[in-house]
Amino acid sequence: MLGRGRKFPSPRENQFKLQAFVSKVFNDYVHLRMKHRQTLIDGDLVMRVEDGATQLGVYSKQTNTVTKAQLKGKSDKFFVEAKMEKEVIPYDEKMVATGPVAGFDTVVAPQGTEAGDMEVAFVQQEDLKPQNMKIFRDMKIFGLRRPLWVTPSGVRVRYQGDDLLIDFTLSSGSYASVPVDALMRELKIREAKSLVRSGQKKFGKRK
């Protein structure tokens, strides 16, 4: 029961909280996939942007091909398996794996594949069960697929006085803070290794 003077959250407030939650869940899945680095696994739903249109399909590790698939659920289910089509195309390096952004009508990788089994186990771990997701439909929050990694384009590095300036462009929906944070971590690691090496040279190796 709410205390006197307190108000129930508005629908807009609830929608914002749910969107923040699914963003956090997607980031968790990205971290889970980091052990594979930027390598595709069997059953991955891949994305490629060509002439402004997103081409999507299911990756086969055995044949290194992609079977085109319909990745928009359009059903009354919360998790929908990708509907395979007949056309098979060769895999190319412009294709990237995608992860599920939870919501009503979320498309997941085919069951029985490495990616499918991983996604099913992951959503169960996050307690994303149909009975817990009816609110997503009520709030009109629909699922989608997002790339697990992106490659910056138009990268330009220059100095302005003592400041290092980096210019780059990311695809829509990506955040510049992510590659900047990764770059800063890498620089700190390199600085630490440099300090260790300089210390070894100055003091010698301990016996």
Protein backbone atom coordinates (compact mmCIF):
# COMPACT_ATOMS: atom_id res chain seq x y z
CA MET A 1 0.00 0.00 0.00
CA LEU A 2 1.34 3.44 -0.87
CA GLY A 3 1.83 6.00 1.87
CA ARG A 4 -0.20 9.18 2.06
CA GLY A 5 0.80 11.68 -0.58
CA ARG A 6 2.56 9.10 -2.76
CA LYS A 7 1.31 8.49 -6.29
CA PHE A 8 1.26 5.36 -8.40
CA PRO A 9 3.90 5.41 -11.20
CA SER A 10 2.51 6.75 -14.45
CA PRO A 11 2.38 4.49 -17.56
CA ARG A 12 5.18 6.56 -19.06
CA GLU A 13 7.29 6.01 -15.93
CA ASN A 14 6.69 2.26 -16.06
CA GLN A 15 7.56 2.18 -19.76
CA PHE A 16 10.84 4.00 -19.09
CA LYS A 17 11.75 1.54 -16.32
CA LEU A 18 11.01 -1.46 -18.55
CA GLN A 19 13.10 -0.02 -21.39
CA ALA A 20 15.99 0.57 -18.98
CA PHE A 21 15.64 -3.03 -17.80
CA VAL A 22 15.75 -4.57 -21.29
CA SER A 23 18.78 -2.41 -22.15
CA LYS A 24 20.53 -3.82 -19.09
CA VAL A 25 19.55 -7.37 -20.11
CA PHE A 26 20.92 -6.84 -23.63
CA ASN A 27 24.22 -5.55 -22.19
CA ASP A 28 24.40 -8.66 -20.00
CA TYR A 29 24.02 -10.83 -23.10
CA VAL A 30 26.78 -8.88 -24.85
CA HIS A 31 29.09 -9.61 -21.90
CA LEU A 32 28.10 -13.29 -22.07
CA ARG A 33 29.13 -13.38 -25.73
CA MET A 34 32.44 -11.60 -25.11
CA LYS A 35 34.11 -14.96 -24.49
CA HIS A 36 33.56 -15.65 -28.20
CA ARG A 37 34.93 -12.19 -29.03
CA GLN A 38 33.71 -11.18 -32.49
CA THR A 39 33.26 -14.75 -33.68
CA LEU A 40 29.92 -16.06 -34.88
CA ILE A 41 28.52 -19.26 -33.41
CA ASP A 42 26.16 -21.74 -35.08
CA GLY A 43 22.58 -20.44 -35.25
CA ASP A 44 23.46 -16.77 -34.79
CA LEU A 45 20.93 -14.37 -36.25
CA VAL A 46 23.09 -12.06 -38.33
CA MET A 47 22.56 -8.59 -39.73
CA ARG A 48 24.02 -6.74 -42.67
CA VAL A 49 23.08 -3.29 -43.91
CA GLU A 50 22.95 -2.93 -47.69
CA ASP A 51 21.64 0.16 -49.48
CA GLY A 52 19.81 1.19 -46.33
CA ALA A 53 18.03 -2.17 -45.95
CA THR A 54 18.84 -4.62 -43.19
CA GLN A 55 19.41 -8.17 -44.41
CA LEU A 56 18.89 -10.82 -41.73
CA GLY A 57 19.42 -14.55 -41.59
CA VAL A 58 20.59 -17.61 -39.64
CA TYR A 59 24.30 -18.44 -39.70
CA SER A 60 25.50 -22.03 -40.21
CA LYS A 61 28.97 -22.68 -38.85
CA GLN A 62 29.25 -26.00 -40.70
CA THR A 63 28.74 -24.51 -44.17
CA ASN A 64 29.75 -20.90 -43.39
CA THR A 65 26.54 -19.71 -45.02
CA VAL A 66 23.49 -17.69 -44.01
CA THR A 67 19.92 -18.79 -44.60
CA LYS A 68 17.69 -15.78 -44.97
CA ALA A 69 14.97 -15.58 -42.34
CA GLN A 70 12.06 -13.47 -41.23
CA LEU A 71 13.11 -11.93 -37.94
CA LYS A 72 9.97 -9.97 -37.25
CA GLY A 73 7.70 -12.09 -35.13
CA LYS A 74 4.23 -10.76 -35.92
CA SER A 75 2.60 -13.31 -33.64
CA ASP A 76 0.85 -13.47 -30.27
CA LYS A 77 3.88 -15.06 -28.56
CA PHE A 78 6.54 -13.40 -26.46
CA PHE A 79 9.48 -15.32 -27.93
CA VAL A 80 9.27 -16.36 -31.56
CA GLU A 81 11.75 -18.57 -33.38
CA ALA A 82 13.14 -17.11 -36.60
CA LYS A 83 11.19 -18.31 -39.65
CA MET A 84 13.67 -19.75 -42.15
CA GLU A 85 13.37 -19.04 -45.86
CA LYS A 86 14.78 -21.06 -48.78
CA GLU A 87 17.46 -18.65 -49.99
CA VAL A 88 21.00 -19.41 -48.77
CA ILE A 89 23.81 -16.88 -49.24
CA PRO A 90 27.54 -17.03 -48.46
CA TYR A 91 28.67 -15.46 -45.20
CA ASP A 92 30.73 -12.30 -45.54
CA GLU A 93 32.66 -10.19 -43.03
CA LYS A 94 30.10 -7.38 -43.15
CA MET A 95 27.62 -9.62 -41.34
CA VAL A 96 27.49 -9.33 -37.56
CA ALA A 97 25.75 -11.37 -34.89
CA THR A 98 22.73 -9.90 -33.14
CA GLY A 99 21.33 -10.31 -29.66
CA PRO A 100 17.74 -10.18 -28.38
CA VAL A 101 16.35 -6.97 -26.96
CA ALA A 102 13.56 -8.37 -24.82
CA GLY A 103 9.97 -7.34 -25.36
CA PHE A 104 6.72 -8.66 -26.72
CA ASP A 105 7.21 -10.57 -29.99
CA THR A 106 10.97 -11.08 -29.54
CA VAL A 107 12.59 -13.27 -32.22
CA VAL A 108 15.18 -15.75 -30.95
CA ALA A 109 17.75 -18.02 -32.62
CA PRO A 110 16.61 -21.51 -33.74
CA GLN A 111 16.38 -24.12 -31.01
CA GLY A 112 18.99 -26.86 -31.14
CA THR A 113 21.74 -24.51 -32.35
CA GLU A 114 24.52 -23.19 -30.11
CA ALA A 115 23.13 -19.65 -30.31
CA GLY A 116 19.55 -20.81 -29.74
CA ASP A 117 20.43 -22.86 -26.67
CA MET A 118 22.48 -19.98 -25.28
CA GLU A 119 19.65 -17.47 -25.77
CA VAL A 120 17.03 -19.76 -24.21
CA ALA A 121 19.23 -20.39 -21.16
CA PHE A 122 19.94 -16.68 -20.89
CA VAL A 123 16.32 -15.48 -20.97
CA GLN A 124 15.38 -18.14 -18.41
CA GLN A 125 18.19 -16.96 -16.16
CA GLU A 126 16.86 -13.39 -16.41
CA ASP A 127 13.36 -14.69 -15.50
CA LEU A 128 11.95 -13.50 -18.84
CA LYS A 129 9.06 -15.93 -18.94
CA PRO A 130 5.81 -15.39 -20.88
CA GLN A 131 3.79 -14.99 -17.68
CA ASN A 132 6.21 -12.29 -16.52
CA MET A 133 6.16 -10.38 -19.80
CA LYS A 134 2.48 -9.54 -20.31
CA ILE A 135 3.25 -6.03 -19.13
CA PHE A 136 5.49 -5.58 -22.18
CA ARG A 137 2.48 -6.03 -24.44
CA ASP A 138 0.39 -3.68 -22.30
CA MET A 139 3.15 -1.05 -22.45
CA LYS A 140 3.62 -1.67 -26.22
CA ILE A 141 7.29 -2.56 -25.82
CA PHE A 142 8.14 -4.89 -28.69
CA GLY A 143 11.28 -7.01 -29.02
CA LEU A 144 13.96 -6.56 -31.64
CA ARG A 145 17.46 -7.69 -32.60
CA ARG A 146 20.53 -5.48 -32.19
CA PRO A 147 24.11 -6.05 -33.37
CA LEU A 148 26.40 -7.43 -30.67
CA TRP A 149 29.27 -5.34 -31.99
CA VAL A 150 29.76 -2.46 -34.40
CA THR A 151 32.78 -1.15 -36.30
CA PRO A 152 33.37 2.62 -36.18
CA SER A 153 33.78 4.31 -39.55
CA GLY A 154 35.49 7.55 -40.54
CA VAL A 155 38.00 7.24 -37.71
CA ARG A 156 40.31 10.24 -37.43
CA VAL A 157 42.90 10.84 -34.70
CA ARG A 158 44.68 14.12 -34.10
CA TYR A 159 46.24 16.25 -31.38
CA GLN A 160 45.02 19.67 -30.33
CA GLY A 161 47.72 20.97 -28.04
CA ASP A 162 48.11 18.30 -25.35
CA ASP A 163 44.67 16.84 -26.03
CA LEU A 164 44.10 13.75 -28.16
CA LEU A 165 40.98 14.11 -30.31
CA ILE A 166 39.25 11.13 -31.90
CA ASP A 167 36.47 11.44 -34.47
CA PHE A 168 34.37 8.46 -35.59
CA THR A 169 30.88 7.53 -36.71
CA LEU A 170 28.71 4.73 -35.34
CA SER A 171 25.52 3.18 -36.68
CA SER A 172 22.16 4.28 -35.33
CA GLY A 173 21.42 3.03 -31.82
CA SER A 174 25.08 2.76 -30.79
CA TYR A 175 26.66 4.81 -28.03
CA ALA A 176 30.00 6.60 -28.43
CA SER A 177 30.70 6.18 -24.71
CA VAL A 178 31.17 2.40 -25.20
CA PRO A 179 34.20 2.49 -27.58
CA VAL A 180 35.64 5.47 -25.69
CA ASP A 181 35.41 3.52 -22.42
CA ALA A 182 37.03 0.46 -24.05
CA LEU A 183 39.82 2.66 -25.45
CA MET A 184 40.50 4.22 -22.04
CA ARG A 185 40.67 0.78 -20.40
CA GLU A 186 43.13 -0.40 -23.05
CA LEU A 187 45.31 2.70 -22.56
CA LYS A 188 45.38 2.17 -18.79
CA ILE A 189 46.37 -1.49 -19.25
CA ARG A 190 49.20 -0.50 -21.59
CA GLU A 191 50.38 2.18 -19.17
CA ALA A 192 50.40 -0.38 -16.34
CA LYS A 193 52.40 -2.87 -18.42
CA SER A 194 54.85 -0.12 -19.33
CA LEU A 195 55.33 0.71 -15.64
CA VAL A 196 55.93 -2.96 -14.84
CA ARG A 197 58.52 -3.29 -17.62
CA SER A 198 60.30 -0.09 -16.59
CA GLY A 199 60.34 -1.28 -12.98
CA GLN A 200 61.93 -4.57 -13.99
CA LYS A 201 64.64 -2.77 -15.93
CA LYS A 202 65.34 -0.35 -13.06
CA PHE A 203 65.34 -2.80 -10.18
CA GLY A 204 65.99 -6.08 -11.96
CA LYS A 205 64.03 -9.26 -11.55
CA ARG A 206 63.58 -10.54 -8.00
CA LYS A 207 65.08 -13.88 -7.22
